[in-house]
N, C-alpha and C. Protein backbone atom coordinates (compact mmCIF):
# COMPACT_ATOMS: atom_id res chain seq x y z
N MET A 1 -0.07 -22.08 12.38
CA MET A 1 -0.92 -21.08 11.72
C MET A 1 -0.11 -20.32 10.69
N SER A 2 -0.66 -20.14 9.49
CA SER A 2 0.05 -19.47 8.42
C SER A 2 0.15 -17.97 8.70
N ASP A 3 1.29 -17.39 8.29
CA ASP A 3 1.47 -15.95 8.44
C ASP A 3 1.35 -15.24 7.10
N ARG A 4 0.73 -15.92 6.12
CA ARG A 4 0.59 -15.29 4.80
C ARG A 4 -0.28 -14.04 4.93
N PRO A 5 -0.01 -13.00 4.13
CA PRO A 5 -0.67 -11.70 4.28
C PRO A 5 -2.10 -11.69 3.73
N ASP A 6 -2.87 -10.73 4.21
CA ASP A 6 -4.25 -10.59 3.77
C ASP A 6 -4.34 -10.26 2.28
N TRP A 7 -3.38 -9.50 1.74
CA TRP A 7 -3.47 -9.09 0.34
C TRP A 7 -3.38 -10.27 -0.62
N LEU A 8 -2.83 -11.38 -0.16
CA LEU A 8 -2.66 -12.54 -1.03
C LEU A 8 -3.93 -13.41 -1.09
N GLN A 9 -4.79 -13.29 -0.09
CA GLN A 9 -5.93 -14.20 0.02
C GLN A 9 -6.92 -14.12 -1.14
N PRO A 10 -7.25 -12.91 -1.64
CA PRO A 10 -8.19 -12.88 -2.78
C PRO A 10 -7.69 -13.68 -3.98
N LEU A 11 -6.39 -13.64 -4.24
CA LEU A 11 -5.85 -14.44 -5.34
C LEU A 11 -6.03 -15.92 -5.06
N LEU A 12 -5.71 -16.34 -3.86
CA LEU A 12 -5.81 -17.75 -3.52
C LEU A 12 -7.24 -18.24 -3.61
N ASP A 13 -8.18 -17.40 -3.24
CA ASP A 13 -9.59 -17.78 -3.34
C ASP A 13 -9.99 -17.99 -4.80
N ARG A 14 -9.50 -17.14 -5.68
CA ARG A 14 -9.84 -17.25 -7.10
C ARG A 14 -9.17 -18.45 -7.76
N LEU A 15 -7.98 -18.79 -7.28
CA LEU A 15 -7.24 -19.89 -7.91
C LEU A 15 -7.92 -21.24 -7.73
N ARG A 16 -8.81 -21.35 -6.76
CA ARG A 16 -9.51 -22.63 -6.53
C ARG A 16 -10.37 -23.02 -7.73
N ASP A 17 -10.79 -22.02 -8.51
CA ASP A 17 -11.72 -22.30 -9.60
C ASP A 17 -11.09 -22.08 -10.98
N THR A 18 -9.77 -22.01 -11.05
CA THR A 18 -9.14 -21.76 -12.34
C THR A 18 -8.89 -23.05 -13.11
N SER A 19 -8.73 -22.89 -14.42
CA SER A 19 -8.37 -24.00 -15.29
C SER A 19 -7.28 -23.52 -16.23
N ALA A 20 -6.71 -24.45 -17.00
CA ALA A 20 -5.65 -24.08 -17.93
C ALA A 20 -6.11 -23.02 -18.92
N SER A 21 -7.38 -23.04 -19.29
CA SER A 21 -7.90 -22.08 -20.26
C SER A 21 -7.87 -20.64 -19.76
N ASP A 22 -7.74 -20.45 -18.46
CA ASP A 22 -7.62 -19.11 -17.90
C ASP A 22 -6.24 -18.52 -18.18
N PHE A 23 -5.27 -19.38 -18.48
CA PHE A 23 -3.89 -18.94 -18.67
C PHE A 23 -3.42 -19.04 -20.12
N THR A 24 -4.02 -19.91 -20.91
CA THR A 24 -3.56 -20.13 -22.27
C THR A 24 -4.69 -20.63 -23.16
N ARG A 25 -4.57 -20.35 -24.45
CA ARG A 25 -5.55 -20.86 -25.42
C ARG A 25 -5.19 -22.25 -25.89
N LEU A 26 -4.00 -22.72 -25.56
CA LEU A 26 -3.52 -24.02 -26.04
C LEU A 26 -4.00 -25.14 -25.14
N PRO A 27 -4.65 -26.16 -25.69
CA PRO A 27 -5.08 -27.29 -24.85
C PRO A 27 -3.89 -28.11 -24.41
N THR A 28 -3.97 -28.63 -23.20
CA THR A 28 -2.90 -29.48 -22.68
C THR A 28 -3.01 -30.86 -23.30
N PRO A 29 -1.96 -31.33 -23.99
CA PRO A 29 -2.05 -32.62 -24.68
C PRO A 29 -2.06 -33.79 -23.71
N ASP A 30 -2.69 -34.87 -24.13
CA ASP A 30 -2.65 -36.11 -23.36
C ASP A 30 -1.44 -36.93 -23.79
N GLY A 31 -1.16 -37.96 -23.04
CA GLY A 31 -0.06 -38.84 -23.42
C GLY A 31 1.22 -38.53 -22.67
N GLU A 32 2.27 -39.28 -22.99
CA GLU A 32 3.53 -39.17 -22.27
C GLU A 32 4.62 -38.48 -23.08
N GLY A 33 4.27 -37.87 -24.21
CA GLY A 33 5.27 -37.24 -25.05
C GLY A 33 5.94 -36.03 -24.43
N PRO A 34 5.16 -35.02 -23.96
CA PRO A 34 5.77 -33.82 -23.39
C PRO A 34 6.53 -34.12 -22.10
N ARG A 35 7.59 -33.38 -21.85
CA ARG A 35 8.37 -33.56 -20.63
C ARG A 35 7.80 -32.70 -19.51
N GLN A 36 7.71 -33.26 -18.33
CA GLN A 36 7.17 -32.54 -17.18
C GLN A 36 8.20 -31.57 -16.61
N SER A 37 7.72 -30.39 -16.23
CA SER A 37 8.59 -29.40 -15.60
C SER A 37 7.76 -28.58 -14.62
N ALA A 38 8.43 -27.73 -13.87
CA ALA A 38 7.74 -26.90 -12.88
C ALA A 38 8.49 -25.59 -12.69
N VAL A 39 7.75 -24.55 -12.34
CA VAL A 39 8.35 -23.26 -12.00
C VAL A 39 7.79 -22.81 -10.66
N LEU A 40 8.55 -21.97 -9.96
CA LEU A 40 8.12 -21.45 -8.66
C LEU A 40 7.67 -20.01 -8.81
N VAL A 41 6.39 -19.77 -8.53
CA VAL A 41 5.84 -18.41 -8.52
C VAL A 41 5.81 -17.97 -7.06
N LEU A 42 6.86 -17.26 -6.67
CA LEU A 42 7.08 -16.96 -5.25
C LEU A 42 6.69 -15.52 -4.94
N PHE A 43 5.65 -15.36 -4.14
CA PHE A 43 5.21 -14.05 -3.69
C PHE A 43 5.90 -13.70 -2.38
N GLY A 44 6.38 -12.46 -2.31
CA GLY A 44 6.99 -11.97 -1.08
C GLY A 44 6.51 -10.56 -0.79
N GLU A 45 7.12 -9.94 0.18
CA GLU A 45 6.76 -8.56 0.52
C GLU A 45 7.95 -7.89 1.17
N GLN A 46 8.19 -6.63 0.77
CA GLN A 46 9.24 -5.83 1.37
C GLN A 46 8.64 -4.53 1.89
N GLU A 47 9.20 -4.04 2.98
CA GLU A 47 8.63 -2.87 3.64
C GLU A 47 8.61 -1.66 2.72
N GLU A 48 9.68 -1.48 1.92
CA GLU A 48 9.78 -0.27 1.13
C GLU A 48 9.03 -0.34 -0.20
N SER A 49 8.78 -1.55 -0.71
CA SER A 49 8.17 -1.66 -2.04
C SER A 49 6.91 -2.51 -2.08
N GLY A 50 6.52 -3.12 -0.95
CA GLY A 50 5.28 -3.87 -0.89
C GLY A 50 5.38 -5.26 -1.49
N PRO A 51 4.24 -5.85 -1.87
CA PRO A 51 4.21 -7.21 -2.42
C PRO A 51 5.03 -7.33 -3.70
N ASP A 52 5.64 -8.50 -3.89
CA ASP A 52 6.46 -8.70 -5.08
C ASP A 52 6.46 -10.16 -5.52
N ILE A 53 7.07 -10.40 -6.69
CA ILE A 53 7.23 -11.74 -7.26
C ILE A 53 8.70 -11.93 -7.61
N LEU A 54 9.26 -13.08 -7.24
CA LEU A 54 10.66 -13.37 -7.52
C LEU A 54 10.83 -13.77 -8.99
N MET A 55 11.84 -13.19 -9.64
CA MET A 55 12.10 -13.46 -11.04
C MET A 55 13.60 -13.52 -11.26
N LEU A 56 14.01 -14.33 -12.24
CA LEU A 56 15.41 -14.36 -12.63
C LEU A 56 15.51 -14.02 -14.10
N GLN A 57 16.72 -13.69 -14.55
CA GLN A 57 16.99 -13.47 -15.96
C GLN A 57 18.07 -14.46 -16.41
N ARG A 58 17.74 -15.22 -17.44
CA ARG A 58 18.68 -16.20 -17.94
C ARG A 58 19.94 -15.52 -18.50
N ALA A 59 21.06 -16.21 -18.41
CA ALA A 59 22.30 -15.69 -18.97
C ALA A 59 22.20 -15.56 -20.48
N ALA A 60 22.84 -14.55 -21.03
CA ALA A 60 22.76 -14.29 -22.47
C ALA A 60 23.45 -15.36 -23.29
N THR A 61 24.30 -16.16 -22.65
CA THR A 61 25.06 -17.18 -23.37
C THR A 61 24.35 -18.54 -23.40
N MET A 62 23.19 -18.65 -22.78
CA MET A 62 22.50 -19.93 -22.75
C MET A 62 21.98 -20.30 -24.13
N ARG A 63 21.93 -21.62 -24.39
CA ARG A 63 21.47 -22.10 -25.70
C ARG A 63 19.98 -21.84 -25.88
N ASN A 64 19.19 -22.04 -24.81
CA ASN A 64 17.74 -21.83 -24.88
C ASN A 64 17.33 -20.69 -23.95
N HIS A 65 16.41 -19.87 -24.42
CA HIS A 65 15.84 -18.77 -23.62
C HIS A 65 16.92 -17.79 -23.16
N ALA A 66 17.94 -17.56 -23.97
CA ALA A 66 19.04 -16.67 -23.60
C ALA A 66 18.53 -15.28 -23.27
N GLY A 67 18.94 -14.76 -22.11
CA GLY A 67 18.60 -13.42 -21.69
C GLY A 67 17.17 -13.20 -21.29
N GLN A 68 16.37 -14.25 -21.25
CA GLN A 68 14.94 -14.09 -21.02
C GLN A 68 14.61 -14.16 -19.53
N PRO A 69 13.81 -13.21 -19.02
CA PRO A 69 13.32 -13.31 -17.64
C PRO A 69 12.38 -14.49 -17.49
N ALA A 70 12.39 -15.09 -16.31
CA ALA A 70 11.58 -16.29 -16.07
C ALA A 70 11.42 -16.51 -14.58
N PHE A 71 10.47 -17.39 -14.24
CA PHE A 71 10.39 -17.89 -12.88
C PHE A 71 11.52 -18.92 -12.69
N PRO A 72 12.01 -19.09 -11.47
CA PRO A 72 12.91 -20.22 -11.24
C PRO A 72 12.20 -21.53 -11.56
N GLY A 73 12.91 -22.45 -12.19
CA GLY A 73 12.27 -23.73 -12.50
C GLY A 73 13.00 -24.48 -13.57
N GLY A 74 12.49 -25.68 -13.87
CA GLY A 74 13.11 -26.53 -14.88
C GLY A 74 12.43 -27.87 -14.95
N ALA A 75 13.08 -28.80 -15.63
CA ALA A 75 12.52 -30.12 -15.86
C ALA A 75 12.51 -30.96 -14.59
N VAL A 76 11.49 -31.79 -14.47
CA VAL A 76 11.39 -32.71 -13.33
C VAL A 76 12.46 -33.79 -13.47
N ASP A 77 13.22 -34.00 -12.41
CA ASP A 77 14.21 -35.07 -12.36
C ASP A 77 13.60 -36.33 -11.78
N PRO A 78 14.17 -37.50 -12.10
CA PRO A 78 13.67 -38.74 -11.51
C PRO A 78 13.69 -38.75 -9.99
N THR A 79 14.59 -37.96 -9.40
CA THR A 79 14.70 -37.92 -7.94
C THR A 79 13.67 -37.00 -7.28
N ASP A 80 12.96 -36.19 -8.09
CA ASP A 80 11.95 -35.29 -7.53
C ASP A 80 10.68 -36.07 -7.18
N ALA A 81 10.17 -35.84 -5.99
CA ALA A 81 8.96 -36.54 -5.56
C ALA A 81 7.75 -36.10 -6.39
N ASP A 82 7.73 -34.84 -6.80
CA ASP A 82 6.62 -34.30 -7.57
C ASP A 82 7.03 -32.95 -8.14
N THR A 83 6.08 -32.25 -8.76
CA THR A 83 6.41 -30.96 -9.35
C THR A 83 6.75 -29.91 -8.30
N ILE A 84 6.16 -30.01 -7.12
CA ILE A 84 6.51 -29.07 -6.05
C ILE A 84 7.97 -29.24 -5.66
N ALA A 85 8.39 -30.48 -5.49
CA ALA A 85 9.79 -30.75 -5.15
C ALA A 85 10.71 -30.24 -6.24
N CYS A 86 10.28 -30.39 -7.50
CA CYS A 86 11.08 -29.92 -8.62
C CYS A 86 11.24 -28.40 -8.57
N ALA A 87 10.15 -27.67 -8.37
CA ALA A 87 10.21 -26.21 -8.35
C ALA A 87 11.12 -25.71 -7.23
N LEU A 88 11.02 -26.31 -6.06
CA LEU A 88 11.85 -25.89 -4.93
C LEU A 88 13.32 -26.23 -5.17
N ARG A 89 13.59 -27.40 -5.73
CA ARG A 89 14.97 -27.80 -6.01
C ARG A 89 15.59 -26.85 -7.04
N GLU A 90 14.85 -26.57 -8.10
CA GLU A 90 15.38 -25.69 -9.13
C GLU A 90 15.65 -24.29 -8.58
N ALA A 91 14.74 -23.78 -7.74
CA ALA A 91 14.94 -22.45 -7.15
C ALA A 91 16.17 -22.44 -6.25
N GLU A 92 16.39 -23.51 -5.54
CA GLU A 92 17.58 -23.60 -4.69
C GLU A 92 18.85 -23.63 -5.56
N GLU A 93 18.81 -24.39 -6.64
CA GLU A 93 19.99 -24.53 -7.51
C GLU A 93 20.26 -23.25 -8.30
N GLU A 94 19.22 -22.54 -8.70
CA GLU A 94 19.39 -21.38 -9.57
C GLU A 94 19.67 -20.09 -8.83
N VAL A 95 18.98 -19.87 -7.70
CA VAL A 95 19.12 -18.58 -7.02
C VAL A 95 19.49 -18.71 -5.54
N GLY A 96 19.72 -19.94 -5.05
CA GLY A 96 20.09 -20.13 -3.66
C GLY A 96 18.95 -20.01 -2.69
N LEU A 97 17.72 -20.27 -3.14
CA LEU A 97 16.57 -20.16 -2.25
C LEU A 97 16.56 -21.31 -1.24
N ASP A 98 16.34 -20.97 0.02
CA ASP A 98 16.20 -21.98 1.07
C ASP A 98 14.76 -22.49 1.04
N PRO A 99 14.53 -23.76 0.69
CA PRO A 99 13.17 -24.28 0.64
C PRO A 99 12.41 -24.14 1.95
N ALA A 100 13.14 -24.14 3.07
CA ALA A 100 12.49 -24.02 4.38
C ALA A 100 11.91 -22.63 4.60
N SER A 101 12.32 -21.65 3.78
CA SER A 101 11.83 -20.28 3.94
C SER A 101 10.51 -20.05 3.21
N VAL A 102 10.03 -21.09 2.53
CA VAL A 102 8.88 -20.97 1.63
C VAL A 102 7.70 -21.79 2.14
N GLU A 103 6.51 -21.22 2.03
CA GLU A 103 5.28 -21.97 2.27
C GLU A 103 4.60 -22.21 0.93
N VAL A 104 4.60 -23.45 0.48
CA VAL A 104 3.92 -23.78 -0.77
C VAL A 104 2.41 -23.75 -0.51
N ILE A 105 1.68 -23.05 -1.39
CA ILE A 105 0.25 -22.86 -1.19
C ILE A 105 -0.58 -23.74 -2.12
N THR A 106 -0.25 -23.71 -3.40
CA THR A 106 -1.03 -24.48 -4.36
C THR A 106 -0.26 -24.61 -5.67
N THR A 107 -0.76 -25.44 -6.55
CA THR A 107 -0.22 -25.52 -7.91
C THR A 107 -1.28 -25.02 -8.88
N LEU A 108 -0.83 -24.38 -9.93
CA LEU A 108 -1.73 -23.93 -10.98
C LEU A 108 -1.95 -25.06 -11.98
N PRO A 109 -2.93 -24.92 -12.87
CA PRO A 109 -3.11 -25.93 -13.91
C PRO A 109 -1.83 -26.10 -14.74
N THR A 110 -1.56 -27.30 -15.15
CA THR A 110 -0.39 -27.57 -15.98
C THR A 110 -0.60 -26.98 -17.37
N LEU A 111 0.43 -26.28 -17.87
CA LEU A 111 0.35 -25.56 -19.14
C LEU A 111 1.38 -26.13 -20.12
N TRP A 112 1.02 -26.13 -21.39
CA TRP A 112 1.88 -26.72 -22.42
C TRP A 112 2.64 -25.64 -23.18
N ILE A 113 3.96 -25.84 -23.32
CA ILE A 113 4.79 -24.98 -24.16
C ILE A 113 5.18 -25.79 -25.39
N PRO A 114 4.51 -25.59 -26.52
CA PRO A 114 4.70 -26.48 -27.66
C PRO A 114 6.09 -26.45 -28.27
N VAL A 115 6.76 -25.28 -28.29
CA VAL A 115 8.05 -25.20 -28.97
C VAL A 115 9.09 -26.11 -28.32
N SER A 116 9.00 -26.28 -26.99
CA SER A 116 9.93 -27.16 -26.29
C SER A 116 9.27 -28.47 -25.87
N ASN A 117 7.94 -28.55 -26.11
CA ASN A 117 7.15 -29.72 -25.73
C ASN A 117 7.28 -30.02 -24.25
N PHE A 118 7.17 -28.98 -23.44
CA PHE A 118 7.19 -29.12 -21.99
C PHE A 118 5.78 -28.90 -21.43
N LEU A 119 5.43 -29.68 -20.43
CA LEU A 119 4.25 -29.43 -19.62
C LEU A 119 4.72 -28.80 -18.32
N VAL A 120 4.33 -27.54 -18.11
CA VAL A 120 4.85 -26.77 -16.99
C VAL A 120 3.77 -26.60 -15.92
N THR A 121 4.11 -26.96 -14.69
CA THR A 121 3.22 -26.76 -13.55
C THR A 121 3.75 -25.61 -12.70
N PRO A 122 3.08 -24.46 -12.70
CA PRO A 122 3.49 -23.37 -11.81
C PRO A 122 3.10 -23.68 -10.36
N VAL A 123 4.05 -23.52 -9.46
CA VAL A 123 3.85 -23.77 -8.04
C VAL A 123 3.81 -22.42 -7.33
N VAL A 124 2.67 -22.10 -6.73
CA VAL A 124 2.49 -20.81 -6.06
C VAL A 124 2.89 -20.95 -4.59
N ALA A 125 3.71 -20.01 -4.13
CA ALA A 125 4.21 -20.09 -2.75
C ALA A 125 4.33 -18.70 -2.15
N TRP A 126 4.38 -18.68 -0.82
CA TRP A 126 4.56 -17.46 -0.04
C TRP A 126 5.94 -17.51 0.61
N TRP A 127 6.71 -16.43 0.46
CA TRP A 127 8.06 -16.35 1.03
C TRP A 127 7.96 -15.83 2.45
N ARG A 128 7.76 -16.76 3.38
CA ARG A 128 7.50 -16.35 4.77
C ARG A 128 8.75 -15.85 5.48
N SER A 129 9.93 -16.29 5.05
CA SER A 129 11.19 -15.87 5.68
C SER A 129 12.18 -15.47 4.60
N PRO A 130 12.01 -14.28 4.02
CA PRO A 130 12.89 -13.87 2.92
C PRO A 130 14.35 -13.78 3.35
N HIS A 131 15.22 -14.06 2.42
CA HIS A 131 16.66 -13.96 2.66
C HIS A 131 17.34 -13.56 1.35
N LEU A 132 18.61 -13.28 1.41
CA LEU A 132 19.34 -12.84 0.23
C LEU A 132 19.44 -13.97 -0.79
N VAL A 133 19.12 -13.67 -2.03
CA VAL A 133 19.25 -14.64 -3.13
C VAL A 133 20.00 -13.97 -4.27
N GLY A 134 20.51 -14.78 -5.17
CA GLY A 134 21.24 -14.26 -6.32
C GLY A 134 21.62 -15.40 -7.24
N PRO A 135 22.26 -15.09 -8.37
CA PRO A 135 22.64 -16.14 -9.33
C PRO A 135 23.59 -17.16 -8.69
N ALA A 136 23.18 -18.41 -8.67
CA ALA A 136 24.05 -19.45 -8.13
C ALA A 136 25.13 -19.82 -9.13
N ASP A 137 24.79 -19.75 -10.42
CA ASP A 137 25.74 -20.04 -11.49
C ASP A 137 25.57 -18.96 -12.56
N PRO A 138 26.49 -17.98 -12.62
CA PRO A 138 26.36 -16.90 -13.59
C PRO A 138 26.30 -17.36 -15.04
N ALA A 139 26.75 -18.58 -15.31
CA ALA A 139 26.66 -19.11 -16.66
C ALA A 139 25.22 -19.44 -17.04
N GLU A 140 24.34 -19.58 -16.04
CA GLU A 140 22.94 -19.89 -16.29
C GLU A 140 22.01 -18.74 -15.94
N VAL A 141 22.31 -18.03 -14.86
CA VAL A 141 21.44 -16.95 -14.37
C VAL A 141 22.24 -15.66 -14.29
N ALA A 142 21.78 -14.63 -15.01
CA ALA A 142 22.49 -13.36 -15.04
C ALA A 142 22.14 -12.49 -13.83
N ARG A 143 20.88 -12.52 -13.42
CA ARG A 143 20.45 -11.67 -12.30
C ARG A 143 19.18 -12.23 -11.70
N VAL A 144 18.90 -11.78 -10.48
CA VAL A 144 17.69 -12.17 -9.76
C VAL A 144 17.04 -10.91 -9.23
N GLU A 145 15.74 -10.77 -9.43
CA GLU A 145 15.02 -9.56 -9.02
C GLU A 145 13.73 -9.92 -8.30
N ARG A 146 13.36 -9.07 -7.35
CA ARG A 146 12.03 -9.14 -6.76
C ARG A 146 11.22 -8.01 -7.39
N LEU A 147 10.27 -8.36 -8.24
CA LEU A 147 9.52 -7.36 -8.99
C LEU A 147 8.27 -6.96 -8.21
N PRO A 148 8.19 -5.70 -7.77
CA PRO A 148 7.03 -5.24 -7.00
C PRO A 148 5.75 -5.31 -7.84
N ILE A 149 4.68 -5.77 -7.23
CA ILE A 149 3.40 -5.81 -7.92
C ILE A 149 2.96 -4.41 -8.32
N ARG A 150 3.27 -3.41 -7.50
CA ARG A 150 2.89 -2.04 -7.84
C ARG A 150 3.53 -1.59 -9.15
N ASP A 151 4.74 -2.10 -9.46
CA ASP A 151 5.40 -1.76 -10.72
C ASP A 151 4.87 -2.61 -11.86
N LEU A 152 4.53 -3.86 -11.58
CA LEU A 152 3.99 -4.74 -12.61
C LEU A 152 2.64 -4.23 -13.13
N VAL A 153 1.82 -3.66 -12.26
CA VAL A 153 0.50 -3.18 -12.69
C VAL A 153 0.53 -1.76 -13.21
N ASP A 154 1.65 -1.07 -13.07
CA ASP A 154 1.77 0.30 -13.56
C ASP A 154 1.58 0.31 -15.08
N PRO A 155 0.58 1.03 -15.59
CA PRO A 155 0.34 1.05 -17.04
C PRO A 155 1.56 1.46 -17.85
N ALA A 156 2.44 2.26 -17.27
CA ALA A 156 3.63 2.69 -17.99
C ALA A 156 4.58 1.53 -18.26
N ASN A 157 4.44 0.45 -17.50
CA ASN A 157 5.34 -0.70 -17.64
C ASN A 157 4.73 -1.85 -18.44
N ARG A 158 3.51 -1.65 -18.92
CA ARG A 158 2.79 -2.74 -19.59
C ARG A 158 2.68 -2.47 -21.09
N LEU A 159 2.75 -3.54 -21.86
CA LEU A 159 2.63 -3.47 -23.30
C LEU A 159 2.33 -4.86 -23.82
N ARG A 160 2.21 -4.97 -25.13
CA ARG A 160 2.15 -6.28 -25.78
C ARG A 160 3.29 -6.37 -26.78
N VAL A 161 3.77 -7.58 -27.01
CA VAL A 161 4.86 -7.77 -27.97
C VAL A 161 4.41 -8.73 -29.06
N ARG A 162 4.97 -8.51 -30.25
CA ARG A 162 4.67 -9.37 -31.40
C ARG A 162 5.89 -10.24 -31.69
N HIS A 163 5.69 -11.55 -31.59
CA HIS A 163 6.74 -12.52 -31.89
C HIS A 163 6.88 -12.64 -33.41
N PRO A 164 8.08 -13.01 -33.93
CA PRO A 164 8.22 -13.20 -35.38
C PRO A 164 7.20 -14.16 -35.99
N SER A 165 6.65 -15.06 -35.18
CA SER A 165 5.64 -16.00 -35.68
C SER A 165 4.30 -15.33 -35.92
N GLY A 166 4.15 -14.08 -35.42
CA GLY A 166 2.88 -13.37 -35.54
C GLY A 166 2.10 -13.34 -34.25
N TRP A 167 2.49 -14.19 -33.28
CA TRP A 167 1.81 -14.22 -31.98
C TRP A 167 1.98 -12.89 -31.27
N ILE A 168 0.93 -12.41 -30.64
CA ILE A 168 0.99 -11.18 -29.84
C ILE A 168 0.52 -11.51 -28.43
N GLY A 169 1.28 -11.10 -27.44
CA GLY A 169 0.92 -11.40 -26.06
C GLY A 169 1.39 -10.33 -25.10
N PRO A 170 0.97 -10.42 -23.83
CA PRO A 170 1.31 -9.41 -22.84
C PRO A 170 2.79 -9.41 -22.51
N ALA A 171 3.26 -8.24 -22.07
CA ALA A 171 4.66 -8.10 -21.67
C ALA A 171 4.78 -7.00 -20.62
N PHE A 172 5.90 -7.00 -19.94
CA PHE A 172 6.20 -6.01 -18.92
C PHE A 172 7.61 -5.49 -19.15
N ARG A 173 7.78 -4.17 -19.21
CA ARG A 173 9.11 -3.59 -19.28
C ARG A 173 9.40 -3.02 -17.89
N ILE A 174 10.23 -3.72 -17.14
CA ILE A 174 10.39 -3.42 -15.72
C ILE A 174 11.80 -3.79 -15.27
N HIS A 175 12.41 -2.89 -14.48
CA HIS A 175 13.75 -3.12 -13.94
C HIS A 175 14.74 -3.49 -15.04
N ASP A 176 14.66 -2.78 -16.16
CA ASP A 176 15.55 -3.01 -17.31
C ASP A 176 15.43 -4.42 -17.88
N MET A 177 14.27 -5.03 -17.73
CA MET A 177 14.00 -6.33 -18.31
C MET A 177 12.70 -6.26 -19.11
N LEU A 178 12.63 -7.08 -20.16
CA LEU A 178 11.39 -7.26 -20.89
C LEU A 178 10.87 -8.66 -20.58
N VAL A 179 9.82 -8.72 -19.78
CA VAL A 179 9.21 -9.99 -19.40
C VAL A 179 8.11 -10.28 -20.41
N TRP A 180 8.17 -11.43 -21.09
CA TRP A 180 7.20 -11.75 -22.14
C TRP A 180 6.95 -13.25 -22.16
N GLY A 181 6.17 -13.69 -23.15
CA GLY A 181 5.95 -15.11 -23.36
C GLY A 181 5.21 -15.79 -22.22
N PHE A 182 5.59 -17.03 -21.94
CA PHE A 182 4.93 -17.84 -20.93
C PHE A 182 4.89 -17.11 -19.58
N THR A 183 6.03 -16.56 -19.17
CA THR A 183 6.12 -15.92 -17.86
C THR A 183 5.19 -14.73 -17.76
N ALA A 184 5.20 -13.86 -18.78
CA ALA A 184 4.33 -12.69 -18.75
C ALA A 184 2.86 -13.08 -18.77
N GLY A 185 2.54 -14.14 -19.52
CA GLY A 185 1.16 -14.59 -19.56
C GLY A 185 0.64 -15.03 -18.21
N VAL A 186 1.48 -15.79 -17.48
CA VAL A 186 1.09 -16.23 -16.15
C VAL A 186 0.97 -15.04 -15.20
N VAL A 187 1.95 -14.13 -15.24
CA VAL A 187 1.90 -12.96 -14.35
C VAL A 187 0.67 -12.12 -14.65
N SER A 188 0.38 -11.88 -15.92
CA SER A 188 -0.77 -11.06 -16.29
C SER A 188 -2.07 -11.65 -15.75
N THR A 189 -2.22 -12.96 -15.88
CA THR A 189 -3.43 -13.61 -15.38
C THR A 189 -3.52 -13.53 -13.87
N LEU A 190 -2.40 -13.73 -13.19
CA LEU A 190 -2.41 -13.67 -11.72
C LEU A 190 -2.74 -12.26 -11.23
N LEU A 191 -2.27 -11.24 -11.92
CA LEU A 191 -2.60 -9.87 -11.53
C LEU A 191 -4.10 -9.62 -11.65
N GLU A 192 -4.71 -10.16 -12.70
CA GLU A 192 -6.15 -10.02 -12.88
C GLU A 192 -6.90 -10.78 -11.78
N LEU A 193 -6.51 -12.02 -11.54
CA LEU A 193 -7.20 -12.84 -10.55
C LEU A 193 -7.05 -12.27 -9.14
N GLY A 194 -5.91 -11.66 -8.86
CA GLY A 194 -5.68 -11.08 -7.54
C GLY A 194 -6.39 -9.77 -7.31
N GLY A 195 -6.98 -9.22 -8.38
CA GLY A 195 -7.67 -7.94 -8.26
C GLY A 195 -6.73 -6.76 -8.21
N TRP A 196 -5.49 -6.95 -8.64
CA TRP A 196 -4.48 -5.88 -8.58
C TRP A 196 -4.36 -5.11 -9.88
N ALA A 197 -4.72 -5.72 -11.00
CA ALA A 197 -4.52 -5.10 -12.31
C ALA A 197 -5.36 -3.84 -12.44
N VAL A 198 -4.81 -2.88 -13.18
CA VAL A 198 -5.52 -1.66 -13.53
C VAL A 198 -5.52 -1.54 -15.05
N GLU A 199 -6.36 -0.68 -15.58
CA GLU A 199 -6.45 -0.52 -17.02
C GLU A 199 -5.11 -0.08 -17.59
N TRP A 200 -4.73 -0.70 -18.72
CA TRP A 200 -3.45 -0.36 -19.34
C TRP A 200 -3.62 -0.34 -20.84
N PRO A 201 -2.70 0.31 -21.58
CA PRO A 201 -2.89 0.52 -23.03
C PRO A 201 -2.58 -0.74 -23.84
N THR A 202 -3.57 -1.58 -24.05
CA THR A 202 -3.36 -2.83 -24.78
C THR A 202 -3.06 -2.59 -26.26
N ASP A 203 -3.25 -1.36 -26.73
CA ASP A 203 -2.91 -1.06 -28.12
C ASP A 203 -1.43 -0.73 -28.29
N ARG A 204 -0.67 -0.73 -27.20
CA ARG A 204 0.77 -0.53 -27.28
C ARG A 204 1.43 -1.87 -27.62
N VAL A 205 1.76 -2.04 -28.90
CA VAL A 205 2.33 -3.30 -29.39
C VAL A 205 3.71 -3.02 -29.98
N GLU A 206 4.72 -3.76 -29.54
CA GLU A 206 6.07 -3.61 -30.05
C GLU A 206 6.57 -4.94 -30.58
N GLU A 207 7.46 -4.86 -31.57
CA GLU A 207 8.09 -6.06 -32.09
C GLU A 207 9.05 -6.61 -31.04
N LEU A 208 9.09 -7.93 -30.89
CA LEU A 208 10.02 -8.54 -29.96
C LEU A 208 11.44 -8.23 -30.42
N PRO A 209 12.26 -7.56 -29.59
CA PRO A 209 13.57 -7.11 -30.05
C PRO A 209 14.50 -8.24 -30.50
N THR A 210 14.50 -9.32 -29.74
CA THR A 210 15.39 -10.44 -30.06
C THR A 210 14.56 -11.70 -30.19
N PRO A 211 14.55 -12.34 -31.33
CA PRO A 211 13.79 -13.58 -31.47
C PRO A 211 14.20 -14.60 -30.43
N GLY A 212 13.20 -15.27 -29.83
CA GLY A 212 13.47 -16.28 -28.83
C GLY A 212 12.49 -17.42 -28.97
N ALA A 213 12.33 -18.16 -27.90
CA ALA A 213 11.43 -19.29 -27.94
C ALA A 213 9.99 -18.84 -28.14
N ALA A 214 9.24 -19.55 -28.91
CA ALA A 214 7.83 -19.22 -29.14
C ALA A 214 7.08 -19.34 -27.84
N PRO A 215 6.21 -18.37 -27.54
CA PRO A 215 5.50 -18.33 -26.27
C PRO A 215 4.25 -19.18 -26.24
N VAL A 216 3.72 -19.32 -25.03
CA VAL A 216 2.43 -19.96 -24.83
C VAL A 216 1.36 -18.89 -24.91
N GLY A 217 0.17 -19.23 -25.37
CA GLY A 217 -0.95 -18.31 -25.33
C GLY A 217 -1.71 -18.29 -26.58
């Protein structure tokens, strides 16, 4: 019997009827051109701060996505059985997550990131046995954070950012990180679907401080 919490169930009920269009305006391309990848959207809970989502911040020295907050994840390897196996393997390699501590619940629709030509499958999971995690390789991961949902929905932490390309999308300024692009888009949609989001000032738009990879949306 699953020990997942009651607060997570409304989100899971809504996810049964979602499609890629709920997360992005970009259609998912057909064919074998884009590379398959996966990320782990891991929900947990702590006594002092309540429900949260696991996030990492890429090292500033990385060639791609330098300094950018993200879900654990990466490209599917030939040895991965599927995208779920990929997400769990990447989380273990990046932050030391024990796959046995996680209950995988579902996968979200596959989303396309055109700038890197990746098809990304977010894997939603419940952290049933939380344990200490951190950067496994500081050259790739600068820090690991559990971001409380109560802080993510706080209007004071929400804004939109404008990419140099002109794209404008949701963002979160939280725990000294600016979460934007693909990751922020997925988080923003999940907060809405879970019924946790509250009204926030969508007219608060800031220029993206450091140009990075073009976002999805």
